Amino acid sequence: MSAPEPDDHVPTPGAVERIGTLLRCGPFAKGMDIRLVSSGEGRAVLEMAITELLTNNKGTCHGGALFTLADTAFGVAAHYGGPVVTVGSDLQFIRPGRPGDILRRSHGAVLVRTGDAAVWIGYARRVGGQGLKLPATVALRDRLAQVPVAPAGDREISYWRCGPVGVLRFAFYNGAMSTGQCERLVAALRVAAAQDTRVLVLRGGETFANGIHLNVIHAAPHPEIEAWRNIQAIDDVCREIITCTDQLVVASVGGNAGAGGVMLALGADRVQARAGVMLNPHYRTMGLYGSEYWSYVLPRRVGAHRAESLVGRCEPVAAEEAVRIGLVDEALAGPPAAFEEAVLEYATRLATRADYASLLERKRAARAADERRRPLESYRTEELALMRLDIFDDRRGFAAARHTFVTKPTKSSGRDTRSTSNRVPRPDPAAA
């Protein structure tokens, strides 16, 4: 289940029953296959598959079907206050919907009409541009002025509870985290940390996380400014994890991770990695000193000498080797689904330990001692001072390294296509 929108209201049991009756009862409502997407007091979002039976002689959706959908939405929104009937309504038809129309936009993705339904497209590549695969709302920004924002929940970030454990999943394409994605993740972390759960599990997508979004940075009008915004936004994410002292935090690294994505995981109290994944805890190949509080979380794990060696050597570290050197706590074998289930079981055991209160108190004491020894923000200040030289003065060749990375040949290079896209990952089935 995605986190509710700020203006959502939890419906009363009576309202739920009335809405269910409205949508499910009667042959007409069943035949239309109208489904509830989200609702709140005085508002509702519904969807309907446009089948051949609902089209007119021009092949577009019949106006009567659209009116029924709208009338049902009015009823759902009004049913929060009690049973109602429609006594009058007015619907203005502007133009028919056609395949390829952009219907909604939300968090970097666009909802595009197909022949009989619609699909969320997360990434696209513009023809005649730099060939960069970008969030669809960035690639298509000149076509979105009149496209409304979808009120539905976040398709990249989701949160759910399993008893005493909360799971926060962030499934960013290729693990790249733009400024906007980081800002949304910070908000989700704050909500998750405020729950009365005992353990918070951080679960990435197919790729756990790879740090800042180089494609979005490179495509920005002023790449240096966007890089500066992005690095500070991901620093904020890492700070929320490090300073979460009301719960124990477990990082579930089920896919590869690099640079800031590794440091994000190391901010947790326990790091569980899937056997076979590769970690790249370094930045220098991209011409950057690095941030994300790496100078705090990495030495805390492996010691100062090994930390300098890892960021300087710029070599990948397999999960099994990461366990040996103390970079992660455990490497678990198995396919991704089995791994995530094993981590959830581990988190549940951790949350129900008899000495949980003692574990949490020791965590708080350790964080307080670290803060007295050296304030956390001093690590960030020092890192950003050096990152500023890398980003704005380009002392290590960040601009050239970034250009090489984002323009590297891909399997689709040379193909004459209008765009390439990827569906936004659906929330974890456990969220349903």
Protein backbone atom coordinates (compact mmCIF):
# COMPACT_ATOMS: atom_id res chain seq x y z
CA MET A 1 0.00 0.00 0.00
CA SER A 2 1.43 3.36 -0.97
CA ALA A 3 1.53 6.06 1.66
CA PRO A 4 -1.74 8.07 1.64
CA GLU A 5 -1.87 11.53 0.19
CA PRO A 6 -1.80 14.28 2.82
CA ASP A 7 -5.45 15.18 2.24
CA ASP A 8 -6.73 11.58 2.36
CA HIS A 9 -9.16 10.74 5.13
CA VAL A 10 -9.67 7.26 6.52
CA PRO A 11 -13.27 6.36 5.62
CA THR A 12 -15.63 5.16 8.30
CA PRO A 13 -16.90 1.58 8.11
CA GLY A 14 -20.27 2.94 7.02
CA ALA A 15 -18.70 4.90 4.18
CA VAL A 16 -16.70 1.88 3.06
CA GLU A 17 -19.86 -0.23 2.95
CA ARG A 18 -21.77 2.40 0.97
CA ILE A 19 -18.93 2.83 -1.57
CA GLY A 20 -18.60 -0.92 -1.99
CA THR A 21 -22.34 -1.22 -2.61
CA LEU A 22 -22.20 1.59 -5.15
CA LEU A 23 -19.38 -0.01 -7.17
CA ARG A 24 -20.24 -3.71 -6.91
CA CYS A 25 -23.99 -4.05 -6.77
CA GLY A 26 -26.25 -4.12 -9.78
CA PRO A 27 -25.59 -5.57 -13.25
CA PHE A 28 -24.99 -2.15 -14.80
CA ALA A 29 -22.19 -1.19 -12.39
CA LYS A 30 -20.61 -4.64 -12.67
CA GLY A 31 -20.69 -4.51 -16.46
CA MET A 32 -18.90 -1.17 -16.57
CA ASP A 33 -16.04 -2.56 -14.44
CA ILE A 34 -15.46 0.74 -12.64
CA ARG A 35 -12.72 0.49 -10.03
CA LEU A 36 -11.78 2.74 -7.12
CA VAL A 37 -8.21 4.15 -7.25
CA SER A 38 -8.28 6.48 -4.25
CA SER A 39 -10.78 8.55 -2.32
CA GLY A 40 -11.09 11.02 0.50
CA GLU A 41 -13.77 13.18 2.01
CA GLY A 42 -15.39 15.02 -0.89
CA ARG A 43 -13.19 13.53 -3.62
CA ALA A 44 -12.71 10.27 -5.51
CA VAL A 45 -10.52 8.88 -8.31
CA LEU A 46 -11.96 5.99 -10.32
CA GLU A 47 -10.80 4.11 -13.41
CA MET A 48 -12.60 2.14 -16.10
CA ALA A 49 -11.29 -0.10 -18.89
CA ILE A 50 -12.54 1.12 -22.27
CA THR A 51 -13.60 -2.09 -23.99
CA GLU A 52 -15.03 -2.38 -27.50
CA LEU A 53 -18.55 -2.49 -26.05
CA LEU A 54 -18.03 1.02 -24.66
CA THR A 55 -16.90 2.68 -27.92
CA ASN A 56 -18.88 4.64 -30.49
CA ASN A 57 -18.83 4.33 -34.28
CA LYS A 58 -15.60 6.40 -34.40
CA GLY A 59 -13.77 3.96 -32.16
CA THR A 60 -13.50 6.30 -29.19
CA CYS A 61 -15.14 5.91 -25.80
CA HIS A 62 -18.88 6.58 -25.88
CA GLY A 63 -19.92 9.74 -24.07
CA GLY A 64 -22.51 7.84 -22.07
CA ALA A 65 -19.82 5.59 -20.62
CA LEU A 66 -17.71 8.61 -19.64
CA PHE A 67 -20.76 10.25 -18.07
CA THR A 68 -21.42 7.10 -16.06
CA LEU A 69 -17.83 7.06 -14.84
CA ALA A 70 -18.08 10.72 -13.80
CA ASP A 71 -21.47 10.20 -12.14
CA THR A 72 -20.11 7.24 -10.17
CA ALA A 73 -17.14 9.34 -9.03
CA PHE A 74 -19.53 12.05 -7.84
CA GLY A 75 -21.44 9.42 -5.91
CA VAL A 76 -18.35 7.91 -4.28
CA ALA A 77 -17.10 11.34 -3.20
CA ALA A 78 -20.50 12.26 -1.79
CA HIS A 79 -21.12 8.92 -0.04
CA TYR A 80 -18.67 9.82 2.72
CA GLY A 81 -21.43 11.92 4.21
CA GLY A 82 -24.27 9.43 3.76
CA PRO A 83 -26.47 7.93 1.01
CA VAL A 84 -27.13 10.33 -1.86
CA VAL A 85 -28.73 10.37 -5.31
CA THR A 86 -27.85 12.51 -8.32
CA VAL A 87 -30.46 15.15 -9.14
CA GLY A 88 -28.48 16.97 -11.81
CA SER A 89 -25.02 17.19 -13.34
CA ASP A 90 -23.28 18.67 -16.35
CA LEU A 91 -20.35 17.23 -18.33
CA GLN A 92 -18.59 19.08 -21.14
CA PHE A 93 -16.92 16.94 -23.83
CA ILE A 94 -13.84 18.63 -25.29
CA ARG A 95 -12.20 15.97 -27.48
CA PRO A 96 -12.00 12.18 -27.63
CA GLY A 97 -9.17 10.33 -26.00
CA ARG A 98 -6.79 8.57 -28.39
CA PRO A 99 -3.91 6.13 -27.93
CA GLY A 100 -0.77 8.09 -27.13
CA ASP A 101 -2.57 10.82 -25.19
CA ILE A 102 -0.87 11.72 -21.90
CA LEU A 103 -3.55 11.51 -19.24
CA ARG A 104 -1.74 12.16 -15.97
CA ARG A 105 1.72 12.80 -14.53
CA SER A 106 3.06 11.80 -11.17
CA HIS A 107 6.54 11.73 -9.62
CA GLY A 108 8.49 11.59 -12.89
CA ALA A 109 6.11 9.20 -14.69
CA VAL A 110 3.31 9.81 -17.19
CA LEU A 111 0.12 7.86 -17.74
CA VAL A 112 -0.33 7.24 -21.48
CA ARG A 113 -3.53 6.02 -23.11
CA THR A 114 -3.26 2.76 -25.06
CA GLY A 115 -5.83 1.09 -27.28
CA ASP A 116 -7.98 -0.26 -24.46
CA ALA A 117 -6.35 0.92 -21.24
CA ALA A 118 -3.46 3.10 -20.06
CA VAL A 119 0.09 2.47 -18.88
CA TRP A 120 2.45 4.36 -16.61
CA ILE A 121 5.77 5.11 -18.34
CA GLY A 122 8.62 5.99 -16.05
CA TYR A 123 11.49 6.76 -18.43
CA ALA A 124 11.76 7.94 -22.03
CA ARG A 125 14.45 8.99 -24.51
CA ARG A 126 13.84 11.97 -26.80
CA VAL A 127 14.50 11.60 -30.50
CA GLY A 128 17.11 14.09 -31.70
CA GLY A 129 18.22 14.93 -28.16
CA GLN A 130 21.31 13.80 -26.31
CA GLY A 131 20.02 10.24 -26.30
CA LEU A 132 19.66 10.28 -22.52
CA LYS A 133 17.08 8.10 -20.84
CA LEU A 134 15.30 10.47 -18.47
CA PRO A 135 12.27 10.49 -16.19
CA ALA A 136 9.30 10.78 -18.54
CA THR A 137 8.19 14.10 -17.08
CA VAL A 138 11.65 15.52 -17.84
CA ALA A 139 11.87 14.10 -21.36
CA LEU A 140 8.32 15.24 -22.19
CA ARG A 141 8.22 18.47 -20.18
CA ASP A 142 7.13 20.54 -23.20
CA ARG A 143 3.96 18.45 -23.55
CA LEU A 144 2.80 18.50 -19.95
CA ALA A 145 1.58 22.05 -19.36
CA GLN A 146 -2.09 21.00 -19.42
CA VAL A 147 -1.64 17.49 -18.01
CA PRO A 148 -3.04 17.16 -14.48
CA VAL A 149 -1.10 15.63 -11.62
CA ALA A 150 -2.43 12.23 -10.55
CA PRO A 151 -3.66 12.22 -6.95
CA ALA A 152 -2.81 8.53 -6.56
CA GLY A 153 0.03 7.37 -4.33
CA ASP A 154 3.72 7.18 -5.13
CA ARG A 155 4.62 4.35 -7.54
CA GLU A 156 8.33 4.36 -6.59
CA ILE A 157 8.11 4.62 -2.82
CA SER A 158 5.83 2.50 -0.66
CA TYR A 159 5.49 1.63 3.00
CA TRP A 160 3.71 -1.15 4.82
CA ARG A 161 3.75 -2.82 8.21
CA CYS A 162 4.28 -6.46 9.15
CA GLY A 163 3.53 -6.60 12.86
CA PRO A 164 6.33 -4.80 14.72
CA VAL A 165 8.29 -4.20 11.50
CA GLY A 166 7.83 -1.39 9.00
CA VAL A 167 9.11 -1.83 5.44
CA LEU A 168 10.00 1.20 3.33
CA ARG A 169 10.61 0.29 -0.30
CA PHE A 170 12.18 2.68 -2.81
CA ALA A 171 12.36 1.24 -6.32
CA PHE A 172 14.24 3.80 -8.41
CA TYR A 173 15.14 2.87 -11.96
CA ASN A 174 18.76 1.65 -12.11
CA GLY A 175 19.15 2.86 -8.54
CA ALA A 176 19.63 6.49 -9.62
CA MET A 177 18.15 9.03 -7.21
CA SER A 178 17.28 12.49 -8.50
CA THR A 179 16.74 15.54 -6.32
CA GLY A 180 12.98 15.10 -6.38
CA GLN A 181 13.17 11.40 -5.60
CA CYS A 182 15.46 12.07 -2.65
CA GLU A 183 13.10 14.73 -1.31
CA ARG A 184 10.18 12.30 -1.49
CA LEU A 185 12.24 9.59 0.18
CA VAL A 186 13.14 11.96 3.03
CA ALA A 187 9.43 12.63 3.59
CA ALA A 188 8.68 8.89 3.54
CA LEU A 189 11.51 8.18 5.99
CA ARG A 190 10.14 10.72 8.43
CA VAL A 191 6.69 9.14 8.27
CA ALA A 192 8.14 5.63 8.69
CA ALA A 193 10.38 6.67 11.60
CA ALA A 194 7.39 8.19 13.39
CA GLN A 195 5.43 4.91 13.43
CA ASP A 196 5.19 2.75 16.55
CA THR A 197 7.05 -0.13 14.90
CA ARG A 198 10.26 -1.43 16.43
CA VAL A 199 12.33 -2.11 13.32
CA LEU A 200 12.41 -0.29 10.00
CA VAL A 201 13.55 -2.23 6.93
CA LEU A 202 14.95 -0.24 4.00
CA ARG A 203 14.33 -2.16 0.79
CA GLY A 204 15.62 -0.99 -2.58
CA GLY A 205 14.52 -2.13 -6.01
CA GLU A 206 16.21 -4.45 -8.50
CA THR A 207 19.25 -2.22 -8.01
CA PHE A 208 19.41 -1.18 -4.37
CA ALA A 209 20.75 2.34 -4.96
CA ASN A 210 23.52 4.03 -6.93
CA GLY A 211 23.51 7.56 -5.59
CA ILE A 212 22.83 10.79 -7.50
CA HIS A 213 21.03 10.78 -10.86
CA LEU A 214 23.73 11.59 -13.44
CA ASN A 215 21.35 11.60 -16.43
CA VAL A 216 19.04 14.18 -14.86
CA ILE A 217 22.05 16.24 -13.83
CA HIS A 218 23.59 16.13 -17.32
CA ALA A 219 20.29 17.11 -18.98
CA ALA A 220 19.69 20.08 -16.66
CA PRO A 221 20.17 23.64 -18.01
CA HIS A 222 22.92 24.10 -15.40
CA PRO A 223 24.34 20.65 -14.56
CA GLU A 224 26.61 21.92 -11.80
CA ILE A 225 23.71 23.54 -9.94
CA GLU A 226 21.58 20.43 -10.31
CA ALA A 227 24.43 18.23 -9.10
CA TRP A 228 24.81 20.44 -6.03
CA ARG A 229 21.08 20.22 -5.31
CA ASN A 230 21.09 16.46 -5.84
CA ILE A 231 24.04 15.75 -3.55
CA GLN A 232 22.51 17.79 -0.74
CA ALA A 233 19.15 16.05 -1.19
CA ILE A 234 20.72 12.58 -0.93
CA ASP A 235 22.70 13.76 2.08
CA ASP A 236 19.36 14.57 3.69
CA VAL A 237 18.20 10.99 3.03
CA CYS A 238 21.29 9.56 4.71
CA ARG A 239 20.93 11.88 7.69
CA GLU A 240 17.38 10.67 8.31
CA ILE A 241 18.62 7.08 8.43
CA ILE A 242 21.61 7.77 10.68
CA THR A 243 19.57 9.84 13.15
CA CYS A 244 16.61 7.45 13.38
CA THR A 245 16.96 6.55 17.07
CA ASP A 246 13.40 5.46 17.89
CA GLN A 247 13.70 2.23 15.91
CA LEU A 248 16.40 -0.18 14.80
CA VAL A 249 17.07 0.13 11.06
CA VAL A 250 17.91 -2.79 8.77
CA ALA A 251 19.15 -2.25 5.21
CA SER A 252 18.00 -5.00 2.86
CA VAL A 253 20.49 -4.87 -0.02
CA GLY A 254 18.98 -7.26 -2.54
CA GLY A 255 20.65 -5.73 -5.60
CA ASN A 256 23.91 -4.07 -6.56
CA ALA A 257 24.78 -0.75 -4.95
CA GLY A 258 27.32 1.94 -5.71
CA ALA A 259 28.74 5.17 -4.32
CA GLY A 260 26.07 7.01 -2.32
CA GLY A 261 23.79 3.98 -2.47
CA VAL A 262 26.30 1.98 -0.45
CA MET A 263 26.69 4.77 2.10
CA LEU A 264 22.90 5.05 2.40
CA ALA A 265 22.78 1.37 3.44
CA LEU A 266 25.68 1.78 5.87
CA GLY A 267 23.68 4.38 7.79
CA ALA A 268 21.48 1.52 9.04
CA ASP A 269 22.17 -0.48 12.22
CA ARG A 270 22.22 -3.83 10.40
CA VAL A 271 23.08 -4.45 6.76
CA GLN A 272 21.87 -7.67 5.12
CA ALA A 273 23.04 -8.30 1.54
CA ARG A 274 22.01 -10.95 -0.96
CA ALA A 275 24.86 -13.29 -1.87
CA GLY A 276 26.30 -12.40 -5.25
CA VAL A 277 25.51 -8.67 -5.23
CA MET A 278 28.35 -6.25 -5.83
CA LEU A 279 29.07 -3.12 -3.84
CA ASN A 280 31.11 -0.20 -5.16
CA PRO A 281 31.85 2.01 -2.13
CA HIS A 282 33.75 4.71 -4.00
CA TYR A 283 33.37 7.91 -6.04
CA ARG A 284 36.76 8.74 -7.56
CA THR A 285 36.07 7.18 -10.99
CA MET A 286 33.37 9.85 -11.40
CA GLY A 287 35.76 12.62 -10.39
CA LEU A 288 34.12 13.22 -7.01
CA TYR A 289 35.37 13.18 -3.44
CA GLY A 290 32.06 11.80 -2.24
CA SER A 291 29.45 12.77 0.33
CA GLU A 292 26.45 11.00 1.97
CA TYR A 293 28.36 11.06 5.28
CA TRP A 294 30.73 8.40 3.94
CA SER A 295 33.56 9.70 6.10
CA TYR A 296 31.42 8.81 9.14
CA VAL A 297 29.57 5.59 8.21
CA LEU A 298 32.38 3.81 6.34
CA PRO A 299 35.13 4.11 8.99
CA ARG A 300 32.50 3.22 11.60
CA ARG A 301 32.11 -0.10 9.81
CA VAL A 302 35.59 -1.02 8.61
CA GLY A 303 38.01 1.37 10.31
CA ALA A 304 39.68 4.50 8.96
CA HIS A 305 42.54 2.78 7.12
CA ARG A 306 40.34 0.30 5.23
CA ALA A 307 37.80 3.03 4.50
CA GLU A 308 40.44 5.12 2.73
CA SER A 309 41.60 2.02 0.87
CA LEU A 310 38.07 1.20 -0.34
CA VAL A 311 37.33 4.69 -1.67
CA GLY A 312 40.81 5.03 -3.17
CA ARG A 313 41.12 1.61 -4.82
CA CYS A 314 37.82 2.00 -6.67
CA GLU A 315 37.21 -1.73 -6.90
CA PRO A 316 33.94 -3.65 -6.48
CA VAL A 317 33.40 -5.69 -3.33
CA ALA A 318 31.33 -8.90 -3.48
CA ALA A 319 28.80 -9.45 -0.71
CA GLU A 320 30.76 -12.35 0.74
CA GLU A 321 33.95 -10.28 0.93
CA ALA A 322 31.95 -7.40 2.38
CA VAL A 323 30.95 -9.66 5.28
CA ARG A 324 34.57 -10.65 5.89
CA ILE A 325 35.76 -7.05 6.17
CA GLY A 326 32.75 -5.88 8.19
CA LEU A 327 31.13 -3.78 5.47
CA VAL A 328 27.87 -5.76 5.83
CA ASP A 329 26.65 -8.07 8.56
CA GLU A 330 25.44 -11.07 6.61
CA ALA A 331 25.18 -12.37 3.03
CA LEU A 332 22.09 -14.50 2.43
CA ALA A 333 21.82 -16.86 -0.53
CA GLY A 334 18.72 -17.27 -2.66
CA PRO A 335 16.62 -15.47 -5.27
CA PRO A 336 15.47 -11.89 -4.56
CA ALA A 337 12.02 -12.81 -3.21
CA ALA A 338 13.43 -15.41 -0.82
CA PHE A 339 16.12 -12.96 0.29
CA GLU A 340 13.60 -10.24 1.10
CA GLU A 341 11.48 -12.73 3.03
CA ALA A 342 14.54 -13.85 5.01
CA VAL A 343 15.40 -10.23 5.86
CA LEU A 344 11.83 -9.62 7.00
CA GLU A 345 12.02 -12.69 9.24
CA TYR A 346 15.34 -11.45 10.63
CA ALA A 347 13.82 -8.02 11.32
CA THR A 348 10.85 -9.63 13.08
CA ARG A 349 13.16 -11.66 15.30
CA LEU A 350 15.11 -8.49 16.07
CA ALA A 351 11.92 -6.62 16.96
CA THR A 352 10.71 -9.35 19.30
CA ARG A 353 13.97 -10.01 21.14
CA ALA A 354 13.70 -9.91 24.91
CA ASP A 355 16.55 -7.40 25.04
CA TYR A 356 15.14 -5.10 22.33
CA ALA A 357 14.87 -2.15 24.71
CA SER A 358 18.51 -2.61 25.67
CA LEU A 359 19.56 -2.75 22.00
CA LEU A 360 17.71 0.46 21.25
CA GLU A 361 19.19 2.20 24.28
CA ARG A 362 22.71 1.16 23.26
CA LYS A 363 22.07 2.57 19.79
CA ARG A 364 20.96 5.90 21.24
CA ALA A 365 23.94 6.02 23.57
CA ALA A 366 26.38 5.28 20.74
CA ARG A 367 24.87 8.00 18.54
CA ALA A 368 25.02 10.51 21.40
CA ALA A 369 28.65 9.60 22.12
CA ASP A 370 29.55 9.99 18.46
CA GLU A 371 27.84 13.38 18.41
CA ARG A 372 29.82 14.57 21.44
CA ARG A 373 33.04 13.36 19.86
CA ARG A 374 32.32 15.07 16.57
CA PRO A 375 29.00 16.55 15.39
CA LEU A 376 27.45 14.64 12.50
CA GLU A 377 27.01 17.79 10.45
CA SER A 378 30.75 18.46 10.54
CA TYR A 379 31.29 15.39 8.35
CA ARG A 380 28.79 16.74 5.84
CA THR A 381 30.30 20.21 5.91
CA GLU A 382 33.77 18.86 5.23
CA GLU A 383 32.59 16.54 2.46
CA LEU A 384 30.57 19.25 0.73
CA ALA A 385 33.46 21.71 0.88
CA LEU A 386 35.53 19.26 -1.17
CA MET A 387 32.57 18.29 -3.37
CA ARG A 388 32.07 21.95 -4.21
CA LEU A 389 35.54 22.02 -5.75
CA ASP A 390 34.77 18.87 -7.73
CA ILE A 391 31.40 20.07 -9.00
CA PHE A 392 31.97 23.75 -9.68
CA ASP A 393 35.74 23.92 -10.25
CA ASP A 394 35.89 20.48 -11.87
CA ARG A 395 39.23 19.72 -10.24
CA ARG A 396 38.94 15.94 -10.77
CA GLY A 397 37.26 15.87 -14.20
CA PHE A 398 33.66 15.35 -13.05
CA ALA A 399 32.18 16.97 -16.17
CA ALA A 400 34.07 14.70 -18.58
CA ALA A 401 33.47 11.57 -16.49
CA ARG A 402 29.77 12.37 -16.28
CA HIS A 403 29.54 12.95 -20.04
CA THR A 404 31.26 9.65 -20.75
CA PHE A 405 28.97 7.80 -18.36
CA VAL A 406 25.66 9.15 -19.61
CA THR A 407 26.53 8.90 -23.31
CA LYS A 408 28.04 5.42 -23.22
CA PRO A 409 26.76 3.15 -26.04
CA THR A 410 23.78 0.95 -25.23
CA LYS A 411 22.22 -2.03 -26.93
CA SER A 412 19.59 0.24 -28.43
CA SER A 413 22.11 2.69 -29.94
CA GLY A 414 21.46 3.36 -33.60
CA ARG A 415 17.90 2.13 -33.59
CA ASP A 416 15.31 4.47 -35.10
CA THR A 417 12.78 4.58 -32.32
CA ARG A 418 10.60 7.35 -31.01
CA SER A 419 11.38 6.55 -27.41
CA THR A 420 12.39 3.87 -24.98
CA SER A 421 10.55 3.57 -21.74
CA ASN A 422 10.17 1.51 -18.63
CA ARG A 423 7.11 0.96 -16.55
CA VAL A 424 7.32 2.36 -13.08
CA PRO A 425 7.79 -0.57 -10.68
CA ARG A 426 4.61 -1.58 -8.90
CA PRO A 427 4.62 -1.52 -5.09
CA ASP A 428 5.69 -4.74 -3.41
CA PRO A 429 2.92 -7.39 -3.38
CA ALA A 430 3.14 -7.37 0.40
CA ALA A 431 1.82 -3.82 0.27
CA ALA A 432 -1.54 -4.87 -1.13
